[in-house]
Amino acid sequence: MASEGRRPLVAGNWKMNGLLSSVPTVEAIRDGLSPALADKIDVLICPPATLISSCVAAVYGSVVAIGGQNLHARPSGAFTGSISAEMFADLGATYVIVGHSERRAYHYETDDGVHAKALGARRAGLRGIICVGETMEERQQGRALDIVRAQLAIGLPKGATGADTVIAYEPVWAIGSGRTPTATEIAEVHASLREMLDKLVGEEAHKIRILYGGSVKPSNARELMAVENVDGALVGGASLVAEDFLGICRAYEG
């Protein structure tokens, strides 16, 4: 449940999915947001880098924002195949995901690397969505709070603000698995992250949004978005289907 002053954000991460033929999905999301709902929430789609330019054009003049899924920390250089924050900004993107668990697991990204990338996002004027989350083994060991707090403490740049930073809690074991933590478990983690933000950035902590991600779908979105300190969602597979993603956005209707 987003507190006063923190506008909810519903973000879709398309991961390595989508071709030019997928752009109509973004257009359907754009057209499916009622004016009343568009006044209440921020909406973001993070398509593959190959589609950013086309998606930016598709949502021009609407409330839907477009973001990247990953970035190189440096602004330019001899880094074949990499994309900098400045390149994303040049295409019209306004957000970028940093440190998603799949990047950590499959590309061995570290908390220090996440920190560097978050600084890169801020340098280019992008809002960095810094991801944190524990594995099932870490949760069963009772280490979930310690893990996410440590990830946040290292990954969050000094001086982070609500204008340049979003946090996303995604329990690794819930992503794409169909399993979702209980509302009590989510509330506990989000409260702990909020407390950690308060220690790290002081009063600005109350302006930084904390999203929940991990098997969010229309059928559970209203319950999940009502949890204390949940300021929106980072949606995976459901964001690939316009009506499903809109169904999650509509958790904020009424």
C-alpha atoms as a PDB file:
ATOM      1  CA  MET A   1       0.000   0.000   0.000  1.00  0.00           C
ATOM      2  CA  ALA A   2       1.696   3.174  -1.190  1.00  0.00           C
ATOM      3  CA  SER A   3       1.782   5.860   1.466  1.00  0.00           C
ATOM      4  CA  GLU A   4       0.814   9.437   0.790  1.00  0.00           C
ATOM      5  CA  GLY A   5       3.449  11.127  -1.323  1.00  0.00           C
ATOM      6  CA  ARG A   6       4.624   7.918  -3.025  1.00  0.00           C
ATOM      7  CA  ARG A   7       2.847   7.433  -6.322  1.00  0.00           C
ATOM      8  CA  PRO A   8       2.438   3.723  -7.160  1.00  0.00           C
ATOM      9  CA  LEU A   9       4.510   2.346 -10.039  1.00  0.00           C
ATOM     10  CA  VAL A  10       3.518  -0.715 -12.043  1.00  0.00           C
ATOM     11  CA  ALA A  11       6.475  -1.821 -14.165  1.00  0.00           C
ATOM     12  CA  GLY A  12       6.660  -4.615 -16.722  1.00  0.00           C
ATOM     13  CA  ASN A  13       9.918  -6.465 -17.388  1.00  0.00           C
ATOM     14  CA  TRP A  14       9.691  -8.252 -20.729  1.00  0.00           C
ATOM     15  CA  LYS A  15      13.083  -9.909 -20.267  1.00  0.00           C
ATOM     16  CA  MET A  16      14.358 -11.564 -23.498  1.00  0.00           C
ATOM     17  CA  ASN A  17      10.950 -11.581 -25.150  1.00  0.00           C
ATOM     18  CA  GLY A  18       9.466  -9.516 -27.954  1.00  0.00           C
ATOM     19  CA  LEU A  19       9.967  -8.587 -31.592  1.00  0.00           C
ATOM     20  CA  LEU A  20       8.739  -5.608 -33.594  1.00  0.00           C
ATOM     21  CA  SER A  21       5.452  -7.465 -33.860  1.00  0.00           C
ATOM     22  CA  SER A  22       5.116  -7.056 -30.071  1.00  0.00           C
ATOM     23  CA  VAL A  23       4.860  -3.255 -30.169  1.00  0.00           C
ATOM     24  CA  PRO A  24       1.026  -3.422 -30.472  1.00  0.00           C
ATOM     25  CA  THR A  25       1.031  -4.892 -26.950  1.00  0.00           C
ATOM     26  CA  VAL A  26       2.514  -1.630 -25.687  1.00  0.00           C
ATOM     27  CA  GLU A  27      -0.078   0.298 -27.675  1.00  0.00           C
ATOM     28  CA  ALA A  28      -2.850  -1.806 -26.140  1.00  0.00           C
ATOM     29  CA  ILE A  29      -1.529  -1.061 -22.653  1.00  0.00           C
ATOM     30  CA  ARG A  30      -1.373   2.621 -23.535  1.00  0.00           C
ATOM     31  CA  ASP A  31      -4.945   2.633 -24.794  1.00  0.00           C
ATOM     32  CA  GLY A  32      -6.300   0.417 -22.002  1.00  0.00           C
ATOM     33  CA  LEU A  33      -5.450   2.795 -19.157  1.00  0.00           C
ATOM     34  CA  SER A  34      -8.475   4.836 -18.163  1.00  0.00           C
ATOM     35  CA  PRO A  35      -7.881   8.551 -17.518  1.00  0.00           C
ATOM     36  CA  ALA A  36      -8.812   8.037 -13.862  1.00  0.00           C
ATOM     37  CA  LEU A  37      -6.271   5.236 -13.432  1.00  0.00           C
ATOM     38  CA  ALA A  38      -3.584   7.141 -15.328  1.00  0.00           C
ATOM     39  CA  ASP A  39      -4.008   9.943 -12.796  1.00  0.00           C
ATOM     40  CA  LYS A  40      -3.280   7.561  -9.906  1.00  0.00           C
ATOM     41  CA  ILE A  41      -0.275   5.492 -10.980  1.00  0.00           C
ATOM     42  CA  ASP A  42       2.914   5.493 -13.009  1.00  0.00           C
ATOM     43  CA  VAL A  43       3.196   2.790 -15.672  1.00  0.00           C
ATOM     44  CA  LEU A  44       6.453   1.484 -17.128  1.00  0.00           C
ATOM     45  CA  ILE A  45       7.382  -1.114 -19.727  1.00  0.00           C
ATOM     46  CA  CYS A  46      10.958  -2.399 -19.986  1.00  0.00           C
ATOM     47  CA  PRO A  47      11.213  -4.187 -23.352  1.00  0.00           C
ATOM     48  CA  PRO A  48      14.372  -5.643 -24.885  1.00  0.00           C
ATOM     49  CA  ALA A  49      16.843  -2.964 -25.943  1.00  0.00           C
ATOM     50  CA  THR A  50      16.031  -3.701 -29.585  1.00  0.00           C
ATOM     51  CA  LEU A  51      12.478  -2.411 -29.064  1.00  0.00           C
ATOM     52  CA  ILE A  52      13.073   0.669 -26.948  1.00  0.00           C
ATOM     53  CA  SER A  53      13.027   3.173 -29.796  1.00  0.00           C
ATOM     54  CA  SER A  54       9.835   1.701 -31.276  1.00  0.00           C
ATOM     55  CA  CYS A  55       8.144   1.536 -27.874  1.00  0.00           C
ATOM     56  CA  VAL A  56       9.099   5.109 -27.024  1.00  0.00           C
ATOM     57  CA  ALA A  57       7.441   6.199 -30.265  1.00  0.00           C
ATOM     58  CA  ALA A  58       4.373   4.075 -29.485  1.00  0.00           C
ATOM     59  CA  VAL A  59       3.747   5.684 -26.079  1.00  0.00           C
ATOM     60  CA  TYR A  60       4.653   9.259 -27.062  1.00  0.00           C
ATOM     61  CA  GLY A  61       2.325  11.716 -25.365  1.00  0.00           C
ATOM     62  CA  SER A  62       0.896   9.097 -22.996  1.00  0.00           C
ATOM     63  CA  VAL A  63       1.550   8.326 -19.331  1.00  0.00           C
ATOM     64  CA  VAL A  64       3.392   5.097 -20.149  1.00  0.00           C
ATOM     65  CA  ALA A  65       7.174   5.247 -19.689  1.00  0.00           C
ATOM     66  CA  ILE A  66       9.792   3.016 -21.303  1.00  0.00           C
ATOM     67  CA  GLY A  67      12.921   1.675 -19.603  1.00  0.00           C
ATOM     68  CA  GLY A  68      15.913  -0.608 -20.095  1.00  0.00           C
ATOM     69  CA  GLN A  69      16.567  -3.946 -18.429  1.00  0.00           C
ATOM     70  CA  ASN A  70      20.294  -3.613 -17.762  1.00  0.00           C
ATOM     71  CA  LEU A  71      23.193  -1.255 -18.457  1.00  0.00           C
ATOM     72  CA  HIS A  72      26.946  -0.917 -18.442  1.00  0.00           C
ATOM     73  CA  ALA A  73      28.220   1.315 -15.650  1.00  0.00           C
ATOM     74  CA  ARG A  74      30.495   3.325 -17.946  1.00  0.00           C
ATOM     75  CA  PRO A  75      29.133   5.994 -20.332  1.00  0.00           C
ATOM     76  CA  SER A  76      31.117   4.706 -23.337  1.00  0.00           C
ATOM     77  CA  GLY A  77      34.182   2.712 -24.285  1.00  0.00           C
ATOM     78  CA  ALA A  78      35.501  -0.549 -25.666  1.00  0.00           C
ATOM     79  CA  PHE A  79      32.776  -2.758 -24.189  1.00  0.00           C
ATOM     80  CA  THR A  80      31.477  -4.757 -27.140  1.00  0.00           C
ATOM     81  CA  GLY A  81      27.797  -5.564 -26.921  1.00  0.00           C
ATOM     82  CA  SER A  82      27.135  -3.352 -23.896  1.00  0.00           C
ATOM     83  CA  ILE A  83      24.665  -0.470 -23.622  1.00  0.00           C
ATOM     84  CA  SER A  84      25.222   2.595 -21.449  1.00  0.00           C
ATOM     85  CA  ALA A  85      22.673   4.608 -19.529  1.00  0.00           C
ATOM     86  CA  GLU A  86      23.352   7.526 -21.865  1.00  0.00           C
ATOM     87  CA  MET A  87      22.385   5.360 -24.838  1.00  0.00           C
ATOM     88  CA  PHE A  88      19.094   4.433 -23.212  1.00  0.00           C
ATOM     89  CA  ALA A  89      18.394   8.066 -22.375  1.00  0.00           C
ATOM     90  CA  ASP A  90      19.235   9.054 -25.942  1.00  0.00           C
ATOM     91  CA  LEU A  91      16.463   6.733 -27.155  1.00  0.00           C
ATOM     92  CA  GLY A  92      13.928   8.254 -24.766  1.00  0.00           C
ATOM     93  CA  ALA A  93      14.021   5.691 -21.946  1.00  0.00           C
ATOM     94  CA  THR A  94      13.542   7.128 -18.463  1.00  0.00           C
ATOM     95  CA  TYR A  95      14.142   4.088 -16.212  1.00  0.00           C
ATOM     96  CA  VAL A  96      16.514   1.129 -16.136  1.00  0.00           C
ATOM     97  CA  ILE A  97      16.455  -2.080 -14.081  1.00  0.00           C
ATOM     98  CA  VAL A  98      19.629  -2.676 -12.074  1.00  0.00           C
ATOM     99  CA  GLY A  99      20.762  -5.942 -10.495  1.00  0.00           C
ATOM    100  CA  HIS A 100      17.849  -8.192 -11.382  1.00  0.00           C
ATOM    101  CA  SER A 101      18.304 -11.650  -9.847  1.00  0.00           C
ATOM    102  CA  GLU A 102      18.674 -13.200 -13.296  1.00  0.00           C
ATOM    103  CA  ARG A 103      21.596 -10.866 -13.981  1.00  0.00           C
ATOM    104  CA  ARG A 104      23.101 -11.800 -10.623  1.00  0.00           C
ATOM    105  CA  ALA A 105      22.606 -15.540 -11.199  1.00  0.00           C
ATOM    106  CA  TYR A 106      23.451 -15.914 -14.886  1.00  0.00           C
ATOM    107  CA  HIS A 107      25.932 -13.072 -15.344  1.00  0.00           C
ATOM    108  CA  TYR A 108      27.518 -13.147 -11.862  1.00  0.00           C
ATOM    109  CA  GLU A 109      26.724  -9.531 -11.063  1.00  0.00           C
ATOM    110  CA  THR A 110      27.809  -8.426  -7.590  1.00  0.00           C
ATOM    111  CA  ASP A 111      26.407  -5.884  -5.179  1.00  0.00           C
ATOM    112  CA  ASP A 112      29.365  -3.619  -5.948  1.00  0.00           C
ATOM    113  CA  GLY A 113      28.572  -3.914  -9.635  1.00  0.00           C
ATOM    114  CA  VAL A 114      24.948  -3.039  -8.946  1.00  0.00           C
ATOM    115  CA  HIS A 115      26.133   0.055  -7.089  1.00  0.00           C
ATOM    116  CA  ALA A 116      28.252   1.136 -10.068  1.00  0.00           C
ATOM    117  CA  LYS A 117      25.365   0.611 -12.469  1.00  0.00           C
ATOM    118  CA  ALA A 118      22.968   2.552 -10.242  1.00  0.00           C
ATOM    119  CA  LEU A 119      25.440   5.437 -10.280  1.00  0.00           C
ATOM    120  CA  GLY A 120      25.575   5.163 -14.059  1.00  0.00           C
ATOM    121  CA  ALA A 121      21.798   5.375 -14.294  1.00  0.00           C
ATOM    122  CA  ARG A 122      21.757   8.488 -12.128  1.00  0.00           C
ATOM    123  CA  ARG A 123      24.580  10.057 -14.144  1.00  0.00           C
ATOM    124  CA  ALA A 124      22.453   9.816 -17.296  1.00  0.00           C
ATOM    125  CA  GLY A 125      19.279  11.088 -15.636  1.00  0.00           C
ATOM    126  CA  LEU A 126      17.566   7.704 -15.536  1.00  0.00           C
ATOM    127  CA  ARG A 127      15.685   6.276 -12.572  1.00  0.00           C
ATOM    128  CA  GLY A 128      17.394   3.091 -11.466  1.00  0.00           C
ATOM    129  CA  ILE A 129      15.188   0.228 -10.255  1.00  0.00           C
ATOM    130  CA  ILE A 130      17.525  -1.591  -7.877  1.00  0.00           C
ATOM    131  CA  CYS A 131      16.483  -5.215  -7.357  1.00  0.00           C
ATOM    132  CA  VAL A 132      17.048  -7.205  -4.182  1.00  0.00           C
ATOM    133  CA  GLY A 133      15.865 -10.654  -3.146  1.00  0.00           C
ATOM    134  CA  GLU A 134      16.741 -13.902  -1.413  1.00  0.00           C
ATOM    135  CA  THR A 135      16.854 -17.498  -2.640  1.00  0.00           C
ATOM    136  CA  MET A 136      14.679 -20.221  -1.133  1.00  0.00           C
ATOM    137  CA  GLU A 137      17.704 -21.669   0.655  1.00  0.00           C
ATOM    138  CA  GLU A 138      18.474 -18.283   2.224  1.00  0.00           C
ATOM    139  CA  ARG A 139      14.863 -17.895   3.337  1.00  0.00           C
ATOM    140  CA  GLN A 140      14.756 -21.373   4.849  1.00  0.00           C
ATOM    141  CA  GLN A 141      17.948 -20.533   6.744  1.00  0.00           C
ATOM    142  CA  GLY A 142      16.213 -17.477   8.227  1.00  0.00           C
ATOM    143  CA  ARG A 143      18.565 -15.108   6.385  1.00  0.00           C
ATOM    144  CA  ALA A 144      16.079 -13.348   4.056  1.00  0.00           C
ATOM    145  CA  LEU A 145      16.149  -9.992   5.852  1.00  0.00           C
ATOM    146  CA  ASP A 146      19.924 -10.033   6.256  1.00  0.00           C
ATOM    147  CA  ILE A 147      20.395 -10.787   2.548  1.00  0.00           C
ATOM    148  CA  VAL A 148      18.134  -8.050   1.183  1.00  0.00           C
ATOM    149  CA  ARG A 149      19.405  -5.460   3.647  1.00  0.00           C
ATOM    150  CA  ALA A 150      23.013  -6.223   2.700  1.00  0.00           C
ATOM    151  CA  GLN A 151      22.173  -6.022  -1.007  1.00  0.00           C
ATOM    152  CA  LEU A 152      20.526  -2.658  -0.439  1.00  0.00           C
ATOM    153  CA  ALA A 153      23.303  -1.287   1.749  1.00  0.00           C
ATOM    154  CA  ILE A 154      25.945  -1.983  -0.883  1.00  0.00           C
ATOM    155  CA  GLY A 155      23.930  -1.403  -4.035  1.00  0.00           C
ATOM    156  CA  LEU A 156      22.249   1.867  -3.111  1.00  0.00           C
ATOM    157  CA  PRO A 157      24.279   4.943  -4.152  1.00  0.00           C
ATOM    158  CA  LYS A 158      24.944   7.603  -1.549  1.00  0.00           C
ATOM    159  CA  GLY A 159      22.447  10.430  -1.807  1.00  0.00           C
ATOM    160  CA  ALA A 160      19.766   8.341  -3.512  1.00  0.00           C
ATOM    161  CA  THR A 161      16.397  10.089  -3.737  1.00  0.00           C
ATOM    162  CA  GLY A 162      12.848   9.274  -4.667  1.00  0.00           C
ATOM    163  CA  ALA A 163      13.421  11.139  -7.920  1.00  0.00           C
ATOM    164  CA  ASP A 164      16.248   8.893  -9.130  1.00  0.00           C
ATOM    165  CA  THR A 165      15.816   5.553  -7.343  1.00  0.00           C
ATOM    166  CA  VAL A 166      13.237   2.782  -6.993  1.00  0.00           C
ATOM    167  CA  ILE A 167      13.762  -0.438  -5.025  1.00  0.00           C
ATOM    168  CA  ALA A 168      12.221  -3.740  -6.133  1.00  0.00           C
ATOM    169  CA  TYR A 169      11.975  -6.705  -3.778  1.00  0.00           C
ATOM    170  CA  GLU A 170      11.814  -9.906  -5.790  1.00  0.00           C
ATOM    171  CA  PRO A 171      12.251 -13.146  -3.840  1.00  0.00           C
ATOM    172  CA  VAL A 172      14.280 -15.238  -6.283  1.00  0.00           C
ATOM    173  CA  TRP A 173      12.223 -18.348  -5.530  1.00  0.00           C
ATOM    174  CA  ALA A 174       8.968 -16.615  -6.545  1.00  0.00           C
ATOM    175  CA  ILE A 175      10.053 -15.304  -9.946  1.00  0.00           C
ATOM    176  CA  GLY A 176       8.251 -17.223 -12.662  1.00  0.00           C
ATOM    177  CA  SER A 177       7.477 -20.068 -10.276  1.00  0.00           C
ATOM    178  CA  GLY A 178       3.848 -19.323  -9.563  1.00  0.00           C
ATOM    179  CA  ARG A 179       4.711 -19.277  -5.848  1.00  0.00           C
ATOM    180  CA  THR A 180       4.129 -16.067  -3.949  1.00  0.00           C
ATOM    181  CA  PRO A 181       5.156 -15.102  -0.398  1.00  0.00           C
ATOM    182  CA  THR A 182       2.363 -14.458   2.048  1.00  0.00           C
ATOM    183  CA  ALA A 183       1.259 -10.890   2.642  1.00  0.00           C
ATOM    184  CA  THR A 184       2.871 -11.122   6.090  1.00  0.00           C
ATOM    185  CA  GLU A 185       6.222 -12.204   4.612  1.00  0.00           C
ATOM    186  CA  ILE A 186       6.148  -9.401   2.043  1.00  0.00           C
ATOM    187  CA  ALA A 187       5.200  -6.828   4.665  1.00  0.00           C
ATOM    188  CA  GLU A 188       8.091  -7.940   6.875  1.00  0.00           C
ATOM    189  CA  VAL A 189      10.661  -7.546   4.090  1.00  0.00           C
ATOM    190  CA  HIS A 190       9.311  -4.221   2.859  1.00  0.00           C
ATOM    191  CA  ALA A 191       9.235  -2.825   6.388  1.00  0.00           C
ATOM    192  CA  SER A 192      12.845  -3.932   6.880  1.00  0.00           C
ATOM    193  CA  LEU A 193      13.885  -2.327   3.591  1.00  0.00           C
ATOM    194  CA  ARG A 194      12.118   0.895   4.560  1.00  0.00           C
ATOM    195  CA  GLU A 195      13.962   0.885   7.879  1.00  0.00           C
ATOM    196  CA  MET A 196      17.265   0.296   6.077  1.00  0.00           C
ATOM    197  CA  LEU A 197      16.536   3.143   3.660  1.00  0.00           C
ATOM    198  CA  ASP A 198      15.927   5.407   6.634  1.00  0.00           C
ATOM    199  CA  LYS A 199      19.391   4.577   7.960  1.00  0.00           C
ATOM    200  CA  LEU A 200      21.011   5.075   4.564  1.00  0.00           C
ATOM    201  CA  VAL A 201      19.329   8.228   3.243  1.00  0.00           C
ATOM    202  CA  GLY A 202      17.366   9.698   6.155  1.00  0.00           C
ATOM    203  CA  GLU A 203      14.145  11.549   5.428  1.00  0.00           C
ATOM    204  CA  GLU A 204      14.433  10.839   1.715  1.00  0.00           C
ATOM    205  CA  ALA A 205      13.652   7.197   2.540  1.00  0.00           C
ATOM    206  CA  HIS A 206       9.958   8.022   2.725  1.00  0.00           C
ATOM    207  CA  LYS A 207      10.000   9.182  -0.908  1.00  0.00           C
ATOM    208  CA  ILE A 208      11.669   6.095  -2.401  1.00  0.00           C
ATOM    209  CA  ARG A 209       9.227   3.547  -3.768  1.00  0.00           C
ATOM    210  CA  ILE A 210       9.609  -0.147  -2.956  1.00  0.00           C
ATOM    211  CA  LEU A 211       7.980  -2.452  -5.507  1.00  0.00           C
ATOM    212  CA  TYR A 212       7.101  -6.104  -5.026  1.00  0.00           C
ATOM    213  CA  GLY A 213       7.865  -8.582  -7.820  1.00  0.00           C
ATOM    214  CA  GLY A 214       7.503 -12.334  -8.149  1.00  0.00           C
ATOM    215  CA  SER A 215       4.508 -14.102  -9.738  1.00  0.00           C
ATOM    216  CA  VAL A 216       2.317 -10.985  -9.661  1.00  0.00           C
ATOM    217  CA  LYS A 217      -0.836 -11.514 -11.706  1.00  0.00           C
ATOM    218  CA  PRO A 218      -4.322  -9.987 -11.963  1.00  0.00           C
ATOM    219  CA  SER A 219      -5.779 -12.521  -9.514  1.00  0.00           C
ATOM    220  CA  ASN A 220      -3.444 -11.569  -6.658  1.00  0.00           C
ATOM    221  CA  ALA A 221      -2.482  -7.992  -7.508  1.00  0.00           C
ATOM    222  CA  ARG A 222      -5.095  -6.262  -5.368  1.00  0.00           C
ATOM    223  CA  GLU A 223      -4.063  -8.220  -2.279  1.00  0.00           C
ATOM    224  CA  LEU A 224      -0.347  -7.703  -2.879  1.00  0.00           C
ATOM    225  CA  MET A 225      -0.623  -3.993  -3.681  1.00  0.00           C
ATOM    226  CA  ALA A 226      -2.563  -3.476  -0.428  1.00  0.00           C
ATOM    227  CA  VAL A 227       0.379  -4.653   1.703  1.00  0.00           C
ATOM    228  CA  GLU A 228       1.992  -1.946   3.831  1.00  0.00           C
ATOM    229  CA  ASN A 229       5.040  -0.322   2.191  1.00  0.00           C
ATOM    230  CA  VAL A 230       4.326  -1.934  -1.203  1.00  0.00           C
ATOM    231  CA  ASP A 231       4.400   0.945  -3.666  1.00  0.00           C
ATOM    232  CA  GLY A 232       3.674  -1.006  -6.831  1.00  0.00           C
ATOM    233  CA  ALA A 233       4.829  -4.049  -8.748  1.00  0.00           C
ATOM    234  CA  LEU A 234       7.644  -5.268 -10.977  1.00  0.00           C
ATOM    235  CA  VAL A 235       5.829  -7.684 -13.263  1.00  0.00           C
ATOM    236  CA  GLY A 236       7.427 -10.397 -15.386  1.00  0.00           C
ATOM    237  CA  GLY A 237       5.457 -12.772 -17.593  1.00  0.00           C
ATOM    238  CA  ALA A 238       2.101 -11.110 -17.042  1.00  0.00           C
ATOM    239  CA  SER A 239       3.413  -7.897 -18.601  1.00  0.00           C
ATOM    240  CA  LEU A 240       3.695  -9.641 -21.983  1.00  0.00           C
ATOM    241  CA  VAL A 241      -0.094  -9.815 -22.261  1.00  0.00           C
ATOM    242  CA  ALA A 242      -1.740  -6.409 -22.368  1.00  0.00           C
ATOM    243  CA  GLU A 243      -4.952  -7.425 -20.613  1.00  0.00           C
ATOM    244  CA  ASP A 244      -3.078  -9.233 -17.834  1.00  0.00           C
ATOM    245  CA  PHE A 245      -0.798  -6.261 -17.240  1.00  0.00           C
ATOM    246  CA  LEU A 246      -3.749  -3.881 -17.291  1.00  0.00           C
ATOM    247  CA  GLY A 247      -5.506  -6.173 -14.819  1.00  0.00           C
ATOM    248  CA  ILE A 248      -2.611  -5.658 -12.416  1.00  0.00           C
ATOM    249  CA  CYS A 249      -2.703  -1.894 -12.951  1.00  0.00           C
ATOM    250  CA  ARG A 250      -6.440  -1.947 -12.173  1.00  0.00           C
ATOM    251  CA  ALA A 251      -5.665  -3.134  -8.650  1.00  0.00           C
ATOM    252  CA  TYR A 252      -5.397   0.602  -7.979  1.00  0.00           C
ATOM    253  CA  GLU A 253      -8.890   1.420  -9.233  1.00  0.00           C
ATOM    254  CA  GLY A 254     -11.530   2.436  -6.728  1.00  0.00           C
END
